[in-house]
């Protein structure tokens, strides 16, 4: 019984690894990636720039940080929400920005 359970788990793990290899076969990114962050010099900007550098080196495609400050993170969240849903525009934000904005603003643009 133990060998059967082991074989089942080993087979399932093999399928997961195979699917992972297939998903990595896709070419991403094929154009520059944009990370939209808040205020320049803020924590999410600094972390975003570090992440952009690491991703640029790993992917071989440029990853840029675009600072759009204001309204407690609402402005840059709106830009990303309205961007093309192709995975080339990412947001760097605090969870608190989204939790607080709902309480502060009657209507959010995103």
Protein backbone atom coordinates (compact mmCIF):
# COMPACT_ATOMS: atom_id res chain seq x y z
CA UNK A 1 0.00 0.00 0.00
CA UNK A 2 2.84 2.40 0.84
CA UNK A 3 4.49 1.93 -2.55
CA UNK A 4 1.23 2.66 -4.34
CA UNK A 5 0.77 5.93 -2.45
CA UNK A 6 4.41 6.87 -3.12
CA UNK A 7 4.00 6.10 -6.83
CA UNK A 8 0.85 8.23 -6.98
CA UNK A 9 2.58 11.21 -5.36
CA UNK A 10 5.69 10.75 -7.51
CA UNK A 11 3.54 10.67 -10.65
CA UNK A 12 1.65 13.80 -9.58
CA UNK A 13 4.93 15.60 -8.84
CA UNK A 14 6.20 14.65 -12.29
CA UNK A 15 3.11 16.13 -13.93
CA UNK A 16 3.50 19.36 -11.95
CA UNK A 17 7.17 19.64 -12.98
CA UNK A 18 6.30 18.95 -16.61
CA UNK A 19 3.60 21.64 -16.61
CA UNK A 20 6.04 24.07 -15.03
CA UNK A 21 8.57 23.40 -17.77
CA UNK A 22 5.94 23.92 -20.46
CA UNK A 23 4.82 27.23 -18.95
CA UNK A 24 8.42 28.49 -18.84
CA UNK A 25 8.86 27.72 -22.53
CA UNK A 26 6.83 30.81 -23.39
CA UNK A 27 8.83 33.92 -24.25
CA UNK A 28 8.20 36.55 -21.59
CA UNK A 29 9.00 39.33 -21.68
CA UNK A 30 9.41 40.29 -25.31
CA UNK A 31 9.25 44.03 -24.62
CA UNK A 32 10.14 46.29 -21.66
CA UNK A 33 8.20 45.82 -18.41
CA UNK A 34 7.02 48.82 -16.39
CA UNK A 35 6.69 48.85 -12.61
CA UNK A 36 4.50 51.76 -11.49
CA UNK A 37 5.39 52.90 -7.97
CA UNK A 38 4.45 55.81 -5.73
CA UNK A 39 6.70 58.59 -4.52
CA UNK A 40 10.32 58.62 -5.60
CA UNK A 41 12.54 57.65 -2.68
CA UNK A 42 9.75 55.91 -0.78
CA UNK A 43 10.17 52.30 0.34
CA UNK A 44 8.15 50.85 -2.52
CA UNK A 45 10.22 52.88 -5.00
CA UNK A 46 13.50 51.66 -3.54
CA UNK A 47 12.31 48.05 -3.48
CA UNK A 48 10.87 48.45 -6.98
CA UNK A 49 14.19 49.70 -8.33
CA UNK A 50 16.04 46.79 -6.75
CA UNK A 51 13.49 44.36 -8.18
CA UNK A 52 13.71 46.03 -11.61
CA UNK A 53 17.49 45.64 -11.63
CA UNK A 54 17.28 41.98 -10.71
CA UNK A 55 14.57 41.25 -13.29
CA UNK A 56 16.45 43.14 -16.02
CA UNK A 57 19.52 40.98 -15.39
CA UNK A 58 17.50 37.76 -15.26
CA UNK A 59 15.20 38.38 -18.23
CA UNK A 60 17.58 40.31 -20.47
CA UNK A 61 14.82 42.88 -21.10
CA UNK A 62 14.56 46.31 -19.56
CA UNK A 63 12.36 46.72 -16.48
CA UNK A 64 11.73 50.36 -15.58
CA UNK A 65 10.21 52.03 -12.52
CA UNK A 66 7.68 54.75 -13.25
CA UNK A 67 6.96 56.98 -10.22
CA UNK A 68 3.44 58.39 -10.00
CA UNK A 69 2.88 59.91 -6.58
CA UNK A 70 -0.28 61.26 -5.01
CA UNK A 71 -3.63 60.48 -3.44
CA UNK A 72 -2.24 57.84 -1.13
CA UNK A 73 -1.39 55.42 -3.93
CA UNK A 74 -4.66 55.87 -5.80
CA UNK A 75 -3.04 57.51 -8.83
CA UNK A 76 -0.52 54.79 -9.57
CA UNK A 77 -3.03 52.03 -8.79
CA UNK A 78 -5.43 53.61 -11.30
CA UNK A 79 -2.74 53.70 -14.01
CA UNK A 80 -2.03 49.99 -13.57
CA UNK A 81 -5.71 49.06 -13.36
CA UNK A 82 -6.39 50.78 -16.69
CA UNK A 83 -3.28 49.41 -18.44
CA UNK A 84 -3.50 46.64 -21.02
CA UNK A 85 -3.93 43.28 -19.24
CA UNK A 86 -0.82 41.79 -20.83
CA UNK A 87 1.47 41.51 -17.79
CA UNK A 88 3.83 44.29 -18.87
CA UNK A 89 2.58 46.90 -16.36
CA UNK A 90 3.03 45.97 -12.71
CA UNK A 91 2.19 47.85 -9.51
CA UNK A 92 4.43 48.33 -6.49
CA UNK A 93 2.22 49.38 -3.58
CA UNK A 94 1.46 48.82 0.06
CA UNK A 95 -1.58 46.77 0.98
CA UNK A 96 -2.50 49.57 3.39
CA UNK A 97 -2.89 51.97 0.47
CA UNK A 98 -5.76 49.92 -0.89
CA UNK A 99 -7.34 49.27 2.51
CA UNK A 100 -7.26 52.93 3.54
CA UNK A 101 -8.28 54.38 0.16
CA UNK A 102 -11.61 52.56 0.32
CA UNK A 103 -12.36 54.38 3.58
CA UNK A 104 -11.11 57.80 2.48
CA UNK A 105 -12.65 58.19 -0.96
CA UNK A 106 -16.31 57.82 -1.89
CA UNK A 107 -15.46 56.75 -5.42
CA UNK A 108 -12.15 55.26 -6.54
CA UNK A 109 -11.15 55.58 -10.20
CA UNK A 110 -10.22 51.89 -10.46
